[in-house]
N, C-alpha and C. Protein backbone atom coordinates (compact mmCIF):
# COMPACT_ATOMS: atom_id res chain seq x y z
N MET A 1 0.79 -1.25 -0.01
CA MET A 1 0.07 -0.02 0.05
C MET A 1 0.90 1.15 0.04
N ALA A 2 0.36 2.15 -0.66
CA ALA A 2 1.16 3.41 -0.62
C ALA A 2 0.66 4.37 0.49
N THR A 3 1.72 5.16 0.84
CA THR A 3 1.40 6.09 1.84
C THR A 3 0.61 7.31 1.21
N PRO A 4 -0.45 7.61 2.03
CA PRO A 4 -1.29 8.63 1.56
C PRO A 4 -0.54 9.93 1.37
N ASP A 5 -0.80 10.67 0.44
CA ASP A 5 -0.17 11.90 0.15
C ASP A 5 -0.80 12.94 1.04
N LEU A 6 -0.06 13.95 1.40
CA LEU A 6 -0.56 15.08 2.21
C LEU A 6 -1.46 16.05 1.41
N ASN A 7 -2.49 16.39 1.83
CA ASN A 7 -3.44 17.41 1.17
C ASN A 7 -2.50 18.68 1.02
N PRO A 8 -2.65 19.20 -0.26
CA PRO A 8 -1.87 20.52 -0.56
C PRO A 8 -2.19 21.68 0.40
N MET A 9 -3.52 21.61 0.80
CA MET A 9 -3.92 22.70 1.68
C MET A 9 -3.36 22.53 3.14
N ALA A 10 -2.95 21.40 3.44
CA ALA A 10 -2.46 21.24 4.93
C ALA A 10 -1.13 21.79 5.06
N PRO A 11 -0.92 22.37 6.33
CA PRO A 11 0.38 22.98 6.60
C PRO A 11 1.42 21.77 6.68
N ALA A 12 2.69 22.07 6.64
CA ALA A 12 3.80 21.15 6.70
C ALA A 12 3.69 20.40 8.07
N TYR A 13 3.56 21.17 9.03
CA TYR A 13 3.70 20.58 10.39
C TYR A 13 2.40 20.41 10.98
N LEU A 14 1.89 19.25 11.34
CA LEU A 14 0.64 18.97 12.07
C LEU A 14 0.82 18.63 13.40
N PRO A 15 0.00 19.05 14.32
CA PRO A 15 0.24 18.73 15.78
C PRO A 15 -0.08 17.23 15.94
N PRO A 16 0.45 16.55 17.10
CA PRO A 16 0.21 15.17 17.13
C PRO A 16 -1.15 14.67 17.46
N PHE A 17 -2.02 15.76 17.95
CA PHE A 17 -3.35 15.23 18.39
C PHE A 17 -4.37 15.25 17.25
N ILE A 18 -4.02 15.47 16.06
CA ILE A 18 -4.89 15.41 14.87
C ILE A 18 -4.78 14.06 14.33
N ALA A 19 -5.90 13.47 14.08
CA ALA A 19 -5.88 12.07 13.42
C ALA A 19 -5.20 12.04 12.21
N GLY A 20 -4.56 10.80 11.97
CA GLY A 20 -3.88 10.64 10.68
C GLY A 20 -4.74 10.37 9.59
N PRO A 21 -4.12 10.18 8.34
CA PRO A 21 -5.09 9.95 7.26
C PRO A 21 -5.42 8.49 7.19
N ASP A 22 -4.84 7.64 7.98
CA ASP A 22 -5.14 6.33 7.88
C ASP A 22 -6.35 5.94 8.96
N GLY A 23 -6.82 7.00 9.62
CA GLY A 23 -7.92 6.80 10.57
C GLY A 23 -7.46 6.52 12.05
N SER A 24 -6.19 6.51 12.30
CA SER A 24 -5.78 6.29 13.66
C SER A 24 -5.78 7.64 14.47
N ASP A 25 -6.17 7.35 15.73
CA ASP A 25 -6.41 8.69 16.60
C ASP A 25 -5.65 8.23 17.88
N PRO A 26 -4.31 8.45 18.08
CA PRO A 26 -3.58 7.99 19.24
C PRO A 26 -3.96 8.84 20.46
N LEU A 27 -4.44 10.07 20.41
CA LEU A 27 -4.93 10.90 21.52
C LEU A 27 -6.23 10.29 21.90
N PHE A 28 -7.13 10.10 21.06
CA PHE A 28 -8.34 9.43 21.62
C PHE A 28 -8.30 8.10 22.16
N THR A 29 -7.35 7.19 21.79
CA THR A 29 -7.00 6.01 22.37
C THR A 29 -6.51 6.16 23.61
N PHE A 30 -5.42 7.08 23.83
CA PHE A 30 -4.85 7.32 25.18
C PHE A 30 -5.88 7.84 26.12
N MET A 31 -6.83 8.82 25.68
CA MET A 31 -7.73 9.43 26.58
C MET A 31 -8.75 8.24 27.15
N THR A 32 -9.13 7.44 26.10
CA THR A 32 -10.20 6.40 26.45
C THR A 32 -9.52 5.45 27.55
N VAL A 33 -8.30 4.96 27.31
CA VAL A 33 -7.72 4.23 28.18
C VAL A 33 -7.49 4.85 29.65
N PHE A 34 -7.00 6.09 29.49
CA PHE A 34 -6.84 6.85 30.69
C PHE A 34 -8.08 7.04 31.51
N ALA A 35 -9.21 7.33 30.77
CA ALA A 35 -10.59 7.53 31.43
C ALA A 35 -11.07 6.29 32.20
N ILE A 36 -10.94 5.11 31.41
CA ILE A 36 -11.41 3.87 32.08
C ILE A 36 -10.53 3.59 33.26
N GLY A 37 -9.25 3.80 33.26
CA GLY A 37 -8.24 3.49 34.38
C GLY A 37 -8.75 4.46 35.45
N LEU A 38 -8.93 5.66 35.20
CA LEU A 38 -9.13 6.66 36.27
C LEU A 38 -10.61 6.30 36.99
N VAL A 39 -11.50 5.90 36.24
CA VAL A 39 -12.89 5.59 36.80
C VAL A 39 -12.69 4.30 37.61
N LEU A 40 -11.68 3.34 37.18
CA LEU A 40 -11.57 2.13 37.95
C LEU A 40 -10.93 2.39 39.23
N MET A 41 -9.85 3.23 39.19
CA MET A 41 -9.17 3.68 40.28
C MET A 41 -9.95 4.40 41.40
N ILE A 42 -10.86 5.35 40.92
CA ILE A 42 -11.69 6.19 41.80
C ILE A 42 -12.66 5.22 42.53
N GLY A 43 -13.22 4.18 41.72
CA GLY A 43 -14.14 3.25 42.24
C GLY A 43 -13.50 2.40 43.27
N VAL A 44 -12.26 1.98 43.07
CA VAL A 44 -11.47 1.22 44.00
C VAL A 44 -11.13 1.94 45.34
N LEU A 45 -10.84 3.42 45.03
CA LEU A 45 -10.55 4.21 46.28
C LEU A 45 -11.96 4.41 46.98
N TYR A 46 -12.95 4.61 46.44
CA TYR A 46 -14.28 4.88 47.00
C TYR A 46 -14.74 3.55 47.85
N LEU A 47 -14.66 2.34 47.35
CA LEU A 47 -15.09 1.20 48.02
C LEU A 47 -14.08 0.84 49.14
N THR A 48 -12.73 1.24 48.97
CA THR A 48 -11.69 1.01 50.03
C THR A 48 -12.05 1.96 51.32
N LEU A 49 -12.34 3.20 50.85
CA LEU A 49 -12.70 4.26 51.95
C LEU A 49 -14.08 3.88 52.57
N HIS A 50 -15.02 3.22 51.98
CA HIS A 50 -16.21 2.83 52.68
C HIS A 50 -16.02 1.55 53.52
N ALA A 51 -15.10 0.77 53.14
CA ALA A 51 -14.78 -0.52 53.91
C ALA A 51 -13.76 -0.30 55.08
N MET A 52 -13.43 1.08 55.38
CA MET A 52 -12.44 1.37 56.29
C MET A 52 -12.89 0.99 57.79
N PRO A 53 -14.12 1.56 58.16
CA PRO A 53 -14.60 1.22 59.44
C PRO A 53 -14.68 -0.28 59.64
N GLU A 54 -15.12 -1.05 58.77
CA GLU A 54 -15.35 -2.39 58.87
C GLU A 54 -13.84 -3.10 59.06
N ARG A 55 -13.00 -2.64 58.32
CA ARG A 55 -11.60 -3.26 58.39
C ARG A 55 -10.95 -2.95 59.81
N MET A 56 -11.32 -1.67 60.26
CA MET A 56 -10.75 -1.18 61.61
C MET A 56 -11.39 -2.10 62.61
N ALA A 57 -12.73 -2.44 62.75
CA ALA A 57 -13.27 -3.13 63.68
C ALA A 57 -12.82 -4.66 63.56
N HIS A 58 -12.62 -5.09 62.44
CA HIS A 58 -12.18 -6.54 62.19
C HIS A 58 -10.85 -6.63 62.79
N GLU A 59 -9.90 -5.77 62.55
CA GLU A 59 -8.47 -5.88 62.92
C GLU A 59 -8.37 -5.81 64.52
N SER A 60 -9.25 -5.13 65.15
CA SER A 60 -9.23 -4.93 66.65
C SER A 60 -10.07 -5.90 67.29
N ASN A 61 -10.88 -6.87 66.51
CA ASN A 61 -11.65 -7.86 67.08
C ASN A 61 -12.62 -7.13 67.88
N HIS A 62 -13.42 -6.10 67.38
CA HIS A 62 -14.39 -5.30 68.04
C HIS A 62 -15.60 -6.17 68.24
N SER A 63 -16.19 -5.81 69.47
CA SER A 63 -17.42 -6.47 69.86
C SER A 63 -18.72 -6.06 68.94
N GLN A 64 -18.70 -4.88 68.48
CA GLN A 64 -19.74 -4.40 67.66
C GLN A 64 -19.52 -4.49 66.30
N MET A 65 -18.84 -5.49 65.59
CA MET A 65 -18.33 -5.49 64.30
C MET A 65 -19.52 -5.64 63.41
N GLN A 66 -20.56 -6.22 63.69
CA GLN A 66 -21.66 -6.30 62.85
C GLN A 66 -22.37 -5.09 62.60
N VAL A 67 -22.44 -4.42 63.65
CA VAL A 67 -23.01 -2.99 63.80
C VAL A 67 -22.29 -2.08 62.86
N VAL A 68 -20.86 -2.25 62.80
CA VAL A 68 -20.15 -1.41 62.18
C VAL A 68 -20.30 -1.71 60.50
N GLY A 69 -20.38 -2.94 60.26
CA GLY A 69 -20.49 -3.52 58.93
C GLY A 69 -21.80 -2.96 58.43
N ILE A 70 -22.94 -3.09 59.18
CA ILE A 70 -24.20 -2.64 58.64
C ILE A 70 -24.29 -1.26 58.54
N LEU A 71 -23.64 -0.40 59.38
CA LEU A 71 -23.63 1.14 59.12
C LEU A 71 -22.82 1.38 57.75
N ALA A 72 -21.61 0.67 57.50
CA ALA A 72 -20.90 1.01 56.47
C ALA A 72 -21.71 0.61 55.18
N LEU A 73 -22.45 -0.40 55.19
CA LEU A 73 -23.21 -0.76 53.99
C LEU A 73 -24.27 0.23 53.79
N LEU A 74 -25.01 0.72 54.95
CA LEU A 74 -26.07 1.69 54.77
C LEU A 74 -25.46 2.86 54.17
N ALA A 75 -24.29 3.31 54.67
CA ALA A 75 -23.59 4.54 54.05
C ALA A 75 -23.26 4.34 52.53
N LEU A 76 -23.01 3.13 52.30
CA LEU A 76 -22.60 2.97 50.74
C LEU A 76 -23.79 2.93 49.85
N PHE A 77 -24.89 2.34 50.30
CA PHE A 77 -26.09 2.34 49.47
C PHE A 77 -26.94 3.49 49.51
N THR A 78 -26.86 4.25 50.55
CA THR A 78 -27.83 5.49 50.69
C THR A 78 -27.15 6.81 50.55
N HIS A 79 -25.78 6.68 50.28
CA HIS A 79 -24.98 7.79 50.15
C HIS A 79 -25.14 8.89 51.20
N ASN A 80 -25.41 8.31 52.51
CA ASN A 80 -25.66 9.20 53.59
C ASN A 80 -24.44 9.09 54.44
N ASN A 81 -23.58 10.25 54.51
CA ASN A 81 -22.37 10.08 55.16
C ASN A 81 -22.47 10.11 56.59
N LEU A 82 -23.59 10.33 57.22
CA LEU A 82 -23.77 10.24 58.71
C LEU A 82 -23.53 8.80 59.09
N PHE A 83 -24.21 7.84 58.30
CA PHE A 83 -23.84 6.53 58.74
C PHE A 83 -22.29 6.09 58.70
N TRP A 84 -21.63 6.65 57.81
CA TRP A 84 -20.17 6.21 57.66
C TRP A 84 -19.49 6.91 58.89
N VAL A 85 -19.73 8.13 59.20
CA VAL A 85 -19.14 8.72 60.46
C VAL A 85 -19.46 8.03 61.67
N VAL A 86 -20.79 7.61 61.85
CA VAL A 86 -21.05 6.82 63.08
C VAL A 86 -20.33 5.46 62.97
N ALA A 87 -20.23 4.70 61.81
CA ALA A 87 -19.51 3.44 61.80
C ALA A 87 -18.09 3.72 62.25
N ILE A 88 -17.46 4.82 61.85
CA ILE A 88 -16.05 5.29 62.17
C ILE A 88 -15.90 5.40 63.65
N LEU A 89 -16.94 6.09 64.15
CA LEU A 89 -16.87 6.34 65.66
C LEU A 89 -16.97 5.07 66.46
N VAL A 90 -17.98 4.30 66.14
CA VAL A 90 -18.24 3.04 66.76
C VAL A 90 -17.04 2.06 66.67
N ALA A 91 -16.35 2.09 65.48
CA ALA A 91 -15.18 1.13 65.25
C ALA A 91 -13.98 1.70 66.07
N THR A 92 -13.83 2.94 66.30
CA THR A 92 -12.82 3.56 66.88
C THR A 92 -12.87 3.51 68.36
N PHE A 93 -13.93 3.74 69.01
CA PHE A 93 -14.05 3.75 70.50
C PHE A 93 -14.72 2.52 70.85
N ARG A 94 -14.20 2.01 71.94
CA ARG A 94 -14.74 0.66 72.53
C ARG A 94 -15.93 1.11 73.54
N MET A 95 -16.91 0.36 73.49
CA MET A 95 -17.93 0.49 74.47
C MET A 95 -17.48 -0.13 75.92
N PRO A 96 -17.79 0.53 77.00
CA PRO A 96 -17.26 -0.12 78.24
C PRO A 96 -17.93 -1.54 78.46
N ASP A 97 -17.25 -2.41 78.97
CA ASP A 97 -17.62 -3.68 79.24
C ASP A 97 -18.23 -3.80 80.69
N PHE A 98 -19.58 -3.78 80.85
CA PHE A 98 -20.16 -3.77 82.02
C PHE A 98 -20.49 -5.31 82.50
N LEU A 99 -20.65 -6.08 81.44
CA LEU A 99 -21.03 -7.53 81.64
C LEU A 99 -20.02 -8.27 82.51
N THR A 100 -18.86 -8.29 81.98
CA THR A 100 -17.81 -9.19 82.62
C THR A 100 -17.64 -8.89 84.04
N PRO A 101 -17.57 -7.65 84.63
CA PRO A 101 -17.35 -7.53 86.02
C PRO A 101 -18.71 -8.00 86.82
N LEU A 102 -19.88 -7.72 86.14
CA LEU A 102 -21.01 -8.19 86.84
C LEU A 102 -21.12 -9.78 86.99
N ASN A 103 -20.59 -10.44 85.81
CA ASN A 103 -20.66 -11.90 85.87
C ASN A 103 -19.61 -12.39 86.82
N SER A 104 -18.44 -11.67 87.08
CA SER A 104 -17.45 -12.00 88.10
C SER A 104 -18.10 -11.92 89.43
N ILE A 105 -18.84 -10.78 89.61
CA ILE A 105 -19.23 -10.53 91.05
C ILE A 105 -20.45 -11.66 91.28
N ALA A 106 -21.35 -11.98 90.33
CA ALA A 106 -22.19 -13.06 90.52
C ALA A 106 -21.61 -14.40 90.83
N ALA A 107 -20.66 -14.67 89.96
CA ALA A 107 -19.86 -15.92 90.36
C ALA A 107 -19.25 -16.01 91.73
N SER A 108 -18.66 -14.92 92.16
CA SER A 108 -18.23 -14.90 93.48
C SER A 108 -19.14 -15.01 94.62
N LEU A 109 -20.28 -14.21 94.32
CA LEU A 109 -21.25 -14.52 95.40
C LEU A 109 -21.93 -15.83 95.44
N GLU A 110 -21.98 -16.47 94.30
CA GLU A 110 -22.50 -17.82 94.26
C GLU A 110 -21.56 -18.77 94.88
N ALA A 111 -20.18 -18.61 94.73
CA ALA A 111 -19.23 -19.39 95.36
C ALA A 111 -19.19 -19.17 96.98
N ALA A 112 -19.32 -17.95 97.43
CA ALA A 112 -19.40 -17.60 98.77
C ALA A 112 -20.61 -18.13 99.53
N THR A 113 -21.72 -18.16 98.92
CA THR A 113 -22.94 -18.63 99.43
C THR A 113 -22.80 -20.22 99.60
N ARG A 114 -22.19 -20.88 98.61
CA ARG A 114 -22.02 -22.31 98.70
C ARG A 114 -21.05 -22.75 99.83
N ARG A 115 -20.15 -21.86 100.17
CA ARG A 115 -19.23 -22.27 101.25
C ARG A 115 -19.78 -21.98 102.68
N GLN A 116 -20.59 -20.95 102.74
CA GLN A 116 -21.08 -20.33 104.02
C GLN A 116 -22.47 -21.27 104.43
N GLU A 117 -22.98 -21.84 103.41
CA GLU A 117 -24.20 -22.55 103.78
C GLU A 117 -24.08 -23.84 104.57
N PRO A 118 -24.75 -24.01 105.81
CA PRO A 118 -24.39 -25.12 106.47
C PRO A 118 -25.27 -26.26 105.94
N GLU A 119 -24.71 -27.44 106.11
CA GLU A 119 -25.35 -28.65 105.59
C GLU A 119 -26.74 -28.90 106.47
N PRO A 120 -27.80 -29.17 105.77
CA PRO A 120 -29.06 -29.29 106.70
C PRO A 120 -28.89 -30.45 107.57
N PRO A 121 -29.52 -30.45 108.78
CA PRO A 121 -29.26 -31.35 109.71
C PRO A 121 -30.17 -32.64 109.52
N ALA A 122 -29.66 -33.86 109.75
CA ALA A 122 -30.42 -34.95 109.66
C ALA A 122 -31.58 -35.07 110.58
N PRO A 123 -32.76 -35.43 110.08
CA PRO A 123 -33.94 -35.62 110.91
C PRO A 123 -33.64 -36.53 112.04
N ALA A 124 -34.02 -36.20 113.22
CA ALA A 124 -33.71 -37.00 114.46
C ALA A 124 -34.90 -37.92 114.49
N PRO A 125 -34.48 -39.23 115.14
CA PRO A 125 -35.45 -40.14 115.34
C PRO A 125 -36.45 -39.56 116.56
N GLU A 126 -37.73 -40.03 116.38
CA GLU A 126 -38.56 -39.72 117.51
C GLU A 126 -38.21 -40.45 118.69
N PRO A 127 -38.03 -39.98 119.93
CA PRO A 127 -37.76 -40.77 121.04
C PRO A 127 -39.03 -41.50 121.62
N VAL A 128 -38.67 -42.84 121.97
CA VAL A 128 -39.79 -43.59 122.46
C VAL A 128 -39.57 -43.69 123.93
N ASN A 129 -40.60 -43.03 124.54
CA ASN A 129 -40.62 -42.97 126.11
C ASN A 129 -41.66 -43.94 126.67
N GLU A 130 -41.28 -45.06 127.25
CA GLU A 130 -42.53 -46.06 127.66
C GLU A 130 -42.80 -45.56 129.00
N ALA A 131 -42.12 -44.69 129.67
CA ALA A 131 -42.47 -44.28 131.11
C ALA A 131 -43.71 -43.42 131.17
N LEU A 132 -43.94 -42.77 130.07
CA LEU A 132 -45.26 -41.86 130.07
C LEU A 132 -46.46 -42.63 129.81
N PRO A 133 -47.38 -42.30 130.57
CA PRO A 133 -48.71 -43.01 130.52
C PRO A 133 -49.22 -42.70 129.08
N GLN A 134 -50.14 -43.72 128.68
CA GLN A 134 -50.74 -43.67 127.39
C GLN A 134 -51.96 -42.62 127.44
N ARG A 135 -52.32 -42.03 126.44
CA ARG A 135 -53.27 -41.08 126.40
C ARG A 135 -54.51 -41.83 126.36
N ILE A 136 -55.51 -41.21 126.81
CA ILE A 136 -56.92 -41.81 126.94
C ILE A 136 -57.52 -42.07 125.55
N GLY A 137 -57.97 -43.24 125.34
CA GLY A 137 -58.59 -43.49 124.05
C GLY A 137 -57.54 -44.16 123.11
N GLU A 138 -56.19 -44.17 123.40
CA GLU A 138 -55.29 -44.87 122.54
C GLU A 138 -54.92 -46.14 123.11
N GLU A 139 -54.89 -47.07 122.23
CA GLU A 139 -54.62 -48.43 122.82
C GLU A 139 -53.66 -49.23 121.75
């Protein structure tokens, strides 16, 4: 194939962003690949950012991990940033553990009452006293 000749009306120097006579457009190809890559990178960054509270809760073995996950999903699907902020706060701060000390106190009290409780006395046999007179009417 022969190379296409330059149009006589065209200047001698053409900038590189102008499509060639063969139909190739390198700037369009570059911008298409760049735009697709940029959209994918922004999507990955967005989803990584939304998963940050859940990852924080999972790494610290947080007791409220399911609540954090639900809040992060609500923030993702509703685009309501308040859910995401609450998820970050719940993942960051630990709730005080009131149940463990109460269980310990209850177990200690149960053990203490078991030690102090006396054994019930055995029932005493009824004394048989033959010296007493029998009641009237009994024989």
